[in-house]
Amino acid sequence: MNINWTNMHYLAQGTERQRNAFICLSSLNIFESLTFYAPLLVGTIPIDIDIEESDLDIICEVHNFPQFTQKSEDVIWGM
């Protein structure tokens, strides 16, 4: 299977944990809110080696850290 890792929709067809991650990330609009920073879900859940304590890790491409800090805080606090 050839997965486009840059589009989180592959999670919607994955394991129960991946489907739950997709629902969570979609409902929060995190990827849309951070689209300028090319967000990418990484870690154990996307590659199906997660354990009970696994979380959702998102990496971003950042060139202006103060601007990103403000944007990420706005995303977290729903502004």
C-alpha atoms as a PDB file:
ATOM      1  CA  MET A   1       0.000   0.000   0.000  1.00  0.00           C
ATOM      2  CA  ASN A   2       1.303   3.442  -0.958  1.00  0.00           C
ATOM      3  CA  ILE A   3       0.295   5.955   1.735  1.00  0.00           C
ATOM      4  CA  ASN A   4       0.307   9.711   1.243  1.00  0.00           C
ATOM      5  CA  TRP A   5       1.565  10.675   4.709  1.00  0.00           C
ATOM      6  CA  THR A   6       0.927  14.368   4.024  1.00  0.00           C
ATOM      7  CA  ASN A   7      -2.836  13.790   3.898  1.00  0.00           C
ATOM      8  CA  MET A   8      -4.189  12.430   7.168  1.00  0.00           C
ATOM      9  CA  HIS A   9      -7.242  10.885   5.469  1.00  0.00           C
ATOM     10  CA  TYR A  10      -5.421   7.548   5.348  1.00  0.00           C
ATOM     11  CA  LEU A  11      -6.185   7.320   9.077  1.00  0.00           C
ATOM     12  CA  ALA A  12      -9.925   7.101   8.359  1.00  0.00           C
ATOM     13  CA  GLN A  13      -9.376   3.638   6.840  1.00  0.00           C
ATOM     14  CA  GLY A  14      -6.854   2.393   9.404  1.00  0.00           C
ATOM     15  CA  THR A  15      -6.974   0.676  12.749  1.00  0.00           C
ATOM     16  CA  GLU A  16      -9.481   1.702  15.409  1.00  0.00           C
ATOM     17  CA  ARG A  17      -6.824   3.875  17.045  1.00  0.00           C
ATOM     18  CA  GLN A  18      -5.988   5.535  13.710  1.00  0.00           C
ATOM     19  CA  ARG A  19      -9.688   6.134  12.985  1.00  0.00           C
ATOM     20  CA  ASN A  20     -10.095   7.722  16.425  1.00  0.00           C
ATOM     21  CA  ALA A  21      -7.055   9.918  15.757  1.00  0.00           C
ATOM     22  CA  PHE A  22      -8.596  11.002  12.451  1.00  0.00           C
ATOM     23  CA  ILE A  23     -11.880  11.906  14.162  1.00  0.00           C
ATOM     24  CA  CYS A  24     -10.062  13.839  16.877  1.00  0.00           C
ATOM     25  CA  LEU A  25      -7.781  15.763  14.518  1.00  0.00           C
ATOM     26  CA  SER A  26     -10.599  16.458  12.063  1.00  0.00           C
ATOM     27  CA  SER A  27     -12.999  17.724  14.705  1.00  0.00           C
ATOM     28  CA  LEU A  28     -10.380  20.099  16.092  1.00  0.00           C
ATOM     29  CA  ASN A  29      -9.341  21.400  12.627  1.00  0.00           C
ATOM     30  CA  ILE A  30      -5.721  21.373  13.755  1.00  0.00           C
ATOM     31  CA  PHE A  31      -4.245  20.611  10.344  1.00  0.00           C
ATOM     32  CA  GLU A  32      -6.354  23.291   8.661  1.00  0.00           C
ATOM     33  CA  SER A  33      -5.403  25.829  11.305  1.00  0.00           C
ATOM     34  CA  LEU A  34      -1.699  25.061  10.907  1.00  0.00           C
ATOM     35  CA  THR A  35      -1.698  24.542   7.131  1.00  0.00           C
ATOM     36  CA  PHE A  36       0.828  27.386   6.624  1.00  0.00           C
ATOM     37  CA  TYR A  37       3.314  25.299   8.636  1.00  0.00           C
ATOM     38  CA  ALA A  38       2.872  22.040   6.672  1.00  0.00           C
ATOM     39  CA  PRO A  39       1.747  19.949   9.677  1.00  0.00           C
ATOM     40  CA  LEU A  40       2.471  16.232   9.568  1.00  0.00           C
ATOM     41  CA  LEU A  41       1.322  13.532  11.967  1.00  0.00           C
ATOM     42  CA  VAL A  42       4.294  11.429  13.054  1.00  0.00           C
ATOM     43  CA  GLY A  43       5.048   8.869  15.711  1.00  0.00           C
ATOM     44  CA  THR A  44       3.730   5.443  16.487  1.00  0.00           C
ATOM     45  CA  ILE A  45       0.026   5.807  15.695  1.00  0.00           C
ATOM     46  CA  PRO A  46       0.385   6.573  11.968  1.00  0.00           C
ATOM     47  CA  ILE A  47       2.640   3.558  11.417  1.00  0.00           C
ATOM     48  CA  ASP A  48       0.553   1.237  13.611  1.00  0.00           C
ATOM     49  CA  ILE A  49       3.146   0.409  16.261  1.00  0.00           C
ATOM     50  CA  ASP A  50       1.458   2.376  19.026  1.00  0.00           C
ATOM     51  CA  ILE A  51       1.082   1.301  22.609  1.00  0.00           C
ATOM     52  CA  GLU A  52      -1.544   2.323  25.151  1.00  0.00           C
ATOM     53  CA  GLU A  53       0.472   5.392  26.217  1.00  0.00           C
ATOM     54  CA  SER A  54       1.055   6.649  22.656  1.00  0.00           C
ATOM     55  CA  ASP A  55      -0.034  10.160  21.820  1.00  0.00           C
ATOM     56  CA  LEU A  56      -0.491  12.214  18.662  1.00  0.00           C
ATOM     57  CA  ASP A  57       2.677  13.970  17.552  1.00  0.00           C
ATOM     58  CA  ILE A  58       2.507  16.729  14.955  1.00  0.00           C
ATOM     59  CA  ILE A  59       5.580  18.280  13.393  1.00  0.00           C
ATOM     60  CA  CYS A  60       5.568  21.578  11.531  1.00  0.00           C
ATOM     61  CA  GLU A  61       7.929  23.557   9.312  1.00  0.00           C
ATOM     62  CA  VAL A  62       8.644  26.808  11.153  1.00  0.00           C
ATOM     63  CA  HIS A  63      10.749  29.790  10.105  1.00  0.00           C
ATOM     64  CA  ASN A  64       9.253  32.460  12.359  1.00  0.00           C
ATOM     65  CA  PHE A  65       9.087  31.020  15.852  1.00  0.00           C
ATOM     66  CA  PRO A  66       7.309  33.917  17.605  1.00  0.00           C
ATOM     67  CA  GLN A  67       4.581  33.871  14.932  1.00  0.00           C
ATOM     68  CA  PHE A  68       4.249  30.080  15.200  1.00  0.00           C
ATOM     69  CA  THR A  69       4.108  30.251  18.983  1.00  0.00           C
ATOM     70  CA  GLN A  70       1.224  32.713  18.800  1.00  0.00           C
ATOM     71  CA  LYS A  71      -0.603  30.681  16.145  1.00  0.00           C
ATOM     72  CA  SER A  72      -0.190  27.400  18.030  1.00  0.00           C
ATOM     73  CA  GLU A  73      -1.438  29.001  21.242  1.00  0.00           C
ATOM     74  CA  ASP A  74      -4.448  30.332  19.336  1.00  0.00           C
ATOM     75  CA  VAL A  75      -5.118  26.827  17.998  1.00  0.00           C
ATOM     76  CA  ILE A  76      -4.783  25.255  21.438  1.00  0.00           C
ATOM     77  CA  TRP A  77      -7.073  27.775  23.110  1.00  0.00           C
ATOM     78  CA  GLY A  78      -9.557  27.874  20.211  1.00  0.00           C
ATOM     79  CA  MET A  79      -9.070  31.472  19.198  1.00  0.00           C
END
